[in-house]
Amino acid sequence: MNERSIMMEIKRKIEVFSAGCPVCEETVQLVNRVAGPSCEISVLPMSDPIVSTRAKALGIRSVPAVVIDGKLADCCSRRGPEEATLRAAGLGET
């Protein structure tokens, strides 16, 4: 197995913390549009106590919020998800 095929097998873990509101749904659509085949996307409902506990541990203070490979995207710690910032954090990379 060569290095390229190994890299193709590694999936980026993308988590979208959502309240199910229209703004959250826009973020889910953005992530789905920008993410490539190397991304595994999960939409996590904040109404679930386990999800809300994880969100708190990650420093999420508002939703929607996007976590890429276990790290809260910079845009989500201040003013909300933005495509350019999510791309800079690695969303959509192969």
N, C-alpha and C. Protein backbone atom coordinates (compact mmCIF):
# COMPACT_ATOMS: atom_id res chain seq x y z
N MET A 1 0.86 -1.18 0.00
CA MET A 1 0.00 0.00 0.00
C MET A 1 0.90 1.23 0.00
N ASN A 2 0.66 2.15 -0.94
CA ASN A 2 1.49 3.34 -1.01
C ASN A 2 0.93 4.45 -0.13
N GLU A 3 1.71 5.52 0.00
CA GLU A 3 1.35 6.63 0.90
C GLU A 3 0.03 7.28 0.46
N ARG A 4 -0.17 7.44 -0.84
CA ARG A 4 -1.40 8.07 -1.33
C ARG A 4 -2.63 7.25 -0.96
N SER A 5 -2.56 5.93 -1.11
CA SER A 5 -3.73 5.11 -0.78
C SER A 5 -4.00 5.09 0.72
N ILE A 6 -2.96 5.19 1.52
CA ILE A 6 -3.13 5.28 2.97
C ILE A 6 -3.84 6.59 3.32
N MET A 7 -3.42 7.70 2.69
CA MET A 7 -4.03 9.00 2.95
C MET A 7 -5.50 9.00 2.52
N MET A 8 -5.83 8.28 1.46
CA MET A 8 -7.20 8.24 0.98
C MET A 8 -8.11 7.50 1.97
N GLU A 9 -7.54 6.58 2.76
CA GLU A 9 -8.33 5.81 3.71
C GLU A 9 -8.60 6.57 4.99
N ILE A 10 -7.80 7.58 5.30
CA ILE A 10 -7.97 8.35 6.52
C ILE A 10 -9.09 9.36 6.31
N LYS A 11 -10.11 9.25 7.12
CA LYS A 11 -11.26 10.15 7.02
C LYS A 11 -11.17 11.24 8.08
N ARG A 12 -11.46 12.46 7.68
CA ARG A 12 -11.59 13.57 8.62
C ARG A 12 -12.93 13.43 9.30
N LYS A 13 -12.95 13.57 10.61
CA LYS A 13 -14.20 13.47 11.37
C LYS A 13 -14.77 14.88 11.55
N ILE A 14 -15.93 15.11 10.95
CA ILE A 14 -16.59 16.40 11.03
C ILE A 14 -17.86 16.24 11.85
N GLU A 15 -18.00 17.06 12.89
CA GLU A 15 -19.19 17.03 13.74
C GLU A 15 -19.85 18.40 13.68
N VAL A 16 -21.15 18.40 13.39
CA VAL A 16 -21.92 19.63 13.38
C VAL A 16 -22.89 19.56 14.55
N PHE A 17 -22.69 20.44 15.51
CA PHE A 17 -23.57 20.52 16.68
C PHE A 17 -24.73 21.44 16.30
N SER A 18 -25.95 20.93 16.42
CA SER A 18 -27.10 21.61 15.87
C SER A 18 -28.29 21.60 16.82
N ALA A 19 -29.07 22.69 16.74
CA ALA A 19 -30.33 22.76 17.47
C ALA A 19 -31.50 22.48 16.54
N GLY A 20 -31.21 22.20 15.28
CA GLY A 20 -32.26 21.91 14.30
C GLY A 20 -32.94 23.15 13.74
N CYS A 21 -32.42 24.32 14.04
CA CYS A 21 -33.01 25.57 13.57
C CYS A 21 -32.59 25.84 12.11
N PRO A 22 -33.22 26.80 11.45
CA PRO A 22 -32.85 27.10 10.06
C PRO A 22 -31.37 27.47 9.88
N VAL A 23 -30.79 28.21 10.82
CA VAL A 23 -29.38 28.57 10.72
C VAL A 23 -28.51 27.33 10.84
N CYS A 24 -28.87 26.42 11.74
CA CYS A 24 -28.12 25.17 11.88
C CYS A 24 -28.23 24.35 10.59
N GLU A 25 -29.42 24.31 10.01
CA GLU A 25 -29.61 23.55 8.77
C GLU A 25 -28.77 24.13 7.64
N GLU A 26 -28.64 25.46 7.58
CA GLU A 26 -27.77 26.09 6.58
C GLU A 26 -26.33 25.63 6.76
N THR A 27 -25.89 25.54 8.01
CA THR A 27 -24.53 25.10 8.29
C THR A 27 -24.34 23.64 7.88
N VAL A 28 -25.31 22.80 8.15
CA VAL A 28 -25.23 21.40 7.74
C VAL A 28 -25.11 21.32 6.22
N GLN A 29 -25.90 22.12 5.50
CA GLN A 29 -25.82 22.14 4.04
C GLN A 29 -24.46 22.64 3.57
N LEU A 30 -23.92 23.67 4.22
CA LEU A 30 -22.59 24.19 3.88
C LEU A 30 -21.53 23.12 4.05
N VAL A 31 -21.55 22.45 5.19
CA VAL A 31 -20.56 21.40 5.46
C VAL A 31 -20.68 20.28 4.44
N ASN A 32 -21.90 19.86 4.14
CA ASN A 32 -22.09 18.80 3.16
C ASN A 32 -21.62 19.22 1.77
N ARG A 33 -21.79 20.48 1.42
CA ARG A 33 -21.37 20.98 0.11
C ARG A 33 -19.85 21.07 0.00
N VAL A 34 -19.20 21.53 1.08
CA VAL A 34 -17.76 21.77 1.05
C VAL A 34 -16.96 20.50 1.30
N ALA A 35 -17.48 19.62 2.14
CA ALA A 35 -16.74 18.40 2.51
C ALA A 35 -16.57 17.50 1.30
N GLY A 36 -15.45 16.85 1.27
CA GLY A 36 -15.18 15.91 0.19
C GLY A 36 -15.34 14.48 0.67
N PRO A 37 -14.94 13.54 -0.18
CA PRO A 37 -15.08 12.13 0.16
C PRO A 37 -14.20 11.70 1.34
N SER A 38 -13.24 12.55 1.70
CA SER A 38 -12.36 12.19 2.82
C SER A 38 -12.94 12.62 4.16
N CYS A 39 -14.20 13.08 4.17
CA CYS A 39 -14.83 13.55 5.40
C CYS A 39 -15.98 12.63 5.81
N GLU A 40 -16.03 12.36 7.09
CA GLU A 40 -17.14 11.62 7.69
C GLU A 40 -17.92 12.62 8.53
N ILE A 41 -19.15 12.93 8.13
CA ILE A 41 -19.93 13.99 8.76
C ILE A 41 -20.99 13.41 9.69
N SER A 42 -21.06 13.99 10.90
CA SER A 42 -22.10 13.64 11.86
C SER A 42 -22.80 14.92 12.28
N VAL A 43 -24.13 14.89 12.29
CA VAL A 43 -24.92 16.02 12.79
C VAL A 43 -25.42 15.60 14.17
N LEU A 44 -25.04 16.38 15.17
CA LEU A 44 -25.33 16.02 16.56
C LEU A 44 -26.36 16.96 17.16
N PRO A 45 -27.48 16.41 17.63
CA PRO A 45 -28.55 17.25 18.19
C PRO A 45 -28.25 17.68 19.63
N MET A 46 -28.28 18.97 19.85
CA MET A 46 -27.99 19.50 21.19
C MET A 46 -29.05 19.12 22.20
N SER A 47 -30.20 18.62 21.76
CA SER A 47 -31.24 18.18 22.69
C SER A 47 -30.85 16.89 23.41
N ASP A 48 -29.84 16.20 22.91
CA ASP A 48 -29.34 14.98 23.53
C ASP A 48 -28.37 15.36 24.65
N PRO A 49 -28.62 14.95 25.90
CA PRO A 49 -27.75 15.32 27.02
C PRO A 49 -26.28 14.90 26.82
N ILE A 50 -26.04 13.79 26.18
CA ILE A 50 -24.67 13.34 25.93
C ILE A 50 -23.98 14.29 24.97
N VAL A 51 -24.71 14.71 23.93
CA VAL A 51 -24.16 15.66 22.95
C VAL A 51 -23.88 17.00 23.62
N SER A 52 -24.80 17.49 24.42
CA SER A 52 -24.60 18.79 25.07
C SER A 52 -23.43 18.76 26.06
N THR A 53 -23.23 17.63 26.71
CA THR A 53 -22.08 17.49 27.61
C THR A 53 -20.78 17.53 26.80
N ARG A 54 -20.74 16.83 25.67
CA ARG A 54 -19.55 16.86 24.79
C ARG A 54 -19.32 18.27 24.27
N ALA A 55 -20.39 18.95 23.88
CA ALA A 55 -20.27 20.32 23.37
C ALA A 55 -19.64 21.23 24.42
N LYS A 56 -20.09 21.10 25.63
CA LYS A 56 -19.55 21.92 26.72
C LYS A 56 -18.06 21.64 26.91
N ALA A 57 -17.68 20.37 26.85
CA ALA A 57 -16.26 19.99 27.01
C ALA A 57 -15.40 20.55 25.88
N LEU A 58 -15.98 20.73 24.70
CA LEU A 58 -15.25 21.28 23.56
C LEU A 58 -15.21 22.80 23.56
N GLY A 59 -15.95 23.42 24.47
CA GLY A 59 -15.98 24.88 24.55
C GLY A 59 -17.02 25.51 23.65
N ILE A 60 -17.99 24.73 23.20
CA ILE A 60 -19.05 25.26 22.36
C ILE A 60 -20.02 26.04 23.23
N ARG A 61 -20.24 27.29 22.84
CA ARG A 61 -21.11 28.17 23.62
C ARG A 61 -22.37 28.54 22.85
N SER A 62 -22.38 28.28 21.53
CA SER A 62 -23.56 28.55 20.73
C SER A 62 -23.55 27.61 19.53
N VAL A 63 -24.71 27.42 18.95
CA VAL A 63 -24.84 26.57 17.77
C VAL A 63 -25.39 27.40 16.62
N PRO A 64 -25.09 27.02 15.42
CA PRO A 64 -24.38 25.82 15.02
C PRO A 64 -22.88 25.95 15.30
N ALA A 65 -22.26 24.82 15.50
CA ALA A 65 -20.82 24.77 15.71
C ALA A 65 -20.27 23.56 14.96
N VAL A 66 -19.07 23.72 14.40
CA VAL A 66 -18.44 22.66 13.63
C VAL A 66 -17.13 22.28 14.31
N VAL A 67 -16.97 20.98 14.51
CA VAL A 67 -15.74 20.43 15.09
C VAL A 67 -15.10 19.55 14.03
N ILE A 68 -13.82 19.80 13.77
CA ILE A 68 -13.07 19.04 12.77
C ILE A 68 -11.96 18.29 13.47
N ASP A 69 -12.02 16.98 13.38
CA ASP A 69 -11.04 16.10 14.04
C ASP A 69 -10.85 16.45 15.52
N GLY A 70 -11.98 16.68 16.20
CA GLY A 70 -11.95 16.91 17.64
C GLY A 70 -11.62 18.32 18.08
N LYS A 71 -11.46 19.25 17.11
CA LYS A 71 -11.12 20.63 17.46
C LYS A 71 -12.19 21.57 16.93
N LEU A 72 -12.70 22.42 17.81
CA LEU A 72 -13.69 23.41 17.44
C LEU A 72 -13.09 24.35 16.41
N ALA A 73 -13.75 24.49 15.26
CA ALA A 73 -13.27 25.40 14.21
C ALA A 73 -13.25 26.82 14.76
N ASP A 74 -12.20 27.58 14.42
CA ASP A 74 -12.03 28.93 14.94
C ASP A 74 -13.26 29.80 14.74
N CYS A 75 -13.89 29.66 13.58
CA CYS A 75 -15.06 30.51 13.30
C CYS A 75 -16.19 30.24 14.28
N CYS A 76 -16.24 29.06 14.82
CA CYS A 76 -17.35 28.68 15.70
C CYS A 76 -17.14 29.10 17.15
N SER A 77 -15.94 29.53 17.47
CA SER A 77 -15.69 29.96 18.85
C SER A 77 -16.05 31.43 19.04
N ARG A 78 -16.34 32.15 17.93
CA ARG A 78 -16.64 33.57 18.05
C ARG A 78 -17.97 33.94 17.40
N ARG A 79 -18.06 33.82 16.08
CA ARG A 79 -19.20 34.43 15.40
C ARG A 79 -20.00 33.50 14.50
N GLY A 80 -19.70 32.25 14.42
CA GLY A 80 -20.48 31.33 13.60
C GLY A 80 -19.68 30.81 12.41
N PRO A 81 -20.12 29.69 11.87
CA PRO A 81 -19.40 29.04 10.78
C PRO A 81 -19.31 29.90 9.51
N GLU A 82 -18.11 29.94 8.95
CA GLU A 82 -17.87 30.63 7.68
C GLU A 82 -17.09 29.67 6.79
N GLU A 83 -17.44 29.63 5.52
CA GLU A 83 -16.82 28.69 4.60
C GLU A 83 -15.30 28.82 4.56
N ALA A 84 -14.78 30.02 4.44
CA ALA A 84 -13.33 30.21 4.33
C ALA A 84 -12.60 29.69 5.56
N THR A 85 -13.15 29.94 6.73
CA THR A 85 -12.51 29.49 7.97
C THR A 85 -12.60 27.98 8.10
N LEU A 86 -13.73 27.39 7.70
CA LEU A 86 -13.86 25.94 7.74
C LEU A 86 -12.88 25.28 6.78
N ARG A 87 -12.72 25.86 5.59
CA ARG A 87 -11.73 25.32 4.63
C ARG A 87 -10.32 25.42 5.21
N ALA A 88 -10.00 26.55 5.85
CA ALA A 88 -8.68 26.73 6.45
C ALA A 88 -8.42 25.72 7.55
N ALA A 89 -9.49 25.27 8.21
CA ALA A 89 -9.36 24.27 9.28
C ALA A 89 -9.24 22.85 8.73
N GLY A 90 -9.40 22.70 7.42
CA GLY A 90 -9.20 21.38 6.81
C GLY A 90 -10.43 20.75 6.21
N LEU A 91 -11.58 21.39 6.28
CA LEU A 91 -12.79 20.83 5.71
C LEU A 91 -12.65 20.81 4.18
N GLY A 92 -12.91 19.66 3.59
CA GLY A 92 -12.85 19.53 2.15
C GLY A 92 -11.51 19.10 1.61
N GLU A 93 -10.49 19.00 2.48
CA GLU A 93 -9.18 18.54 2.03
C GLU A 93 -9.21 17.04 1.78
N THR A 94 -8.43 16.61 0.84
CA THR A 94 -8.32 15.18 0.59
C THR A 94 -7.10 14.62 1.25
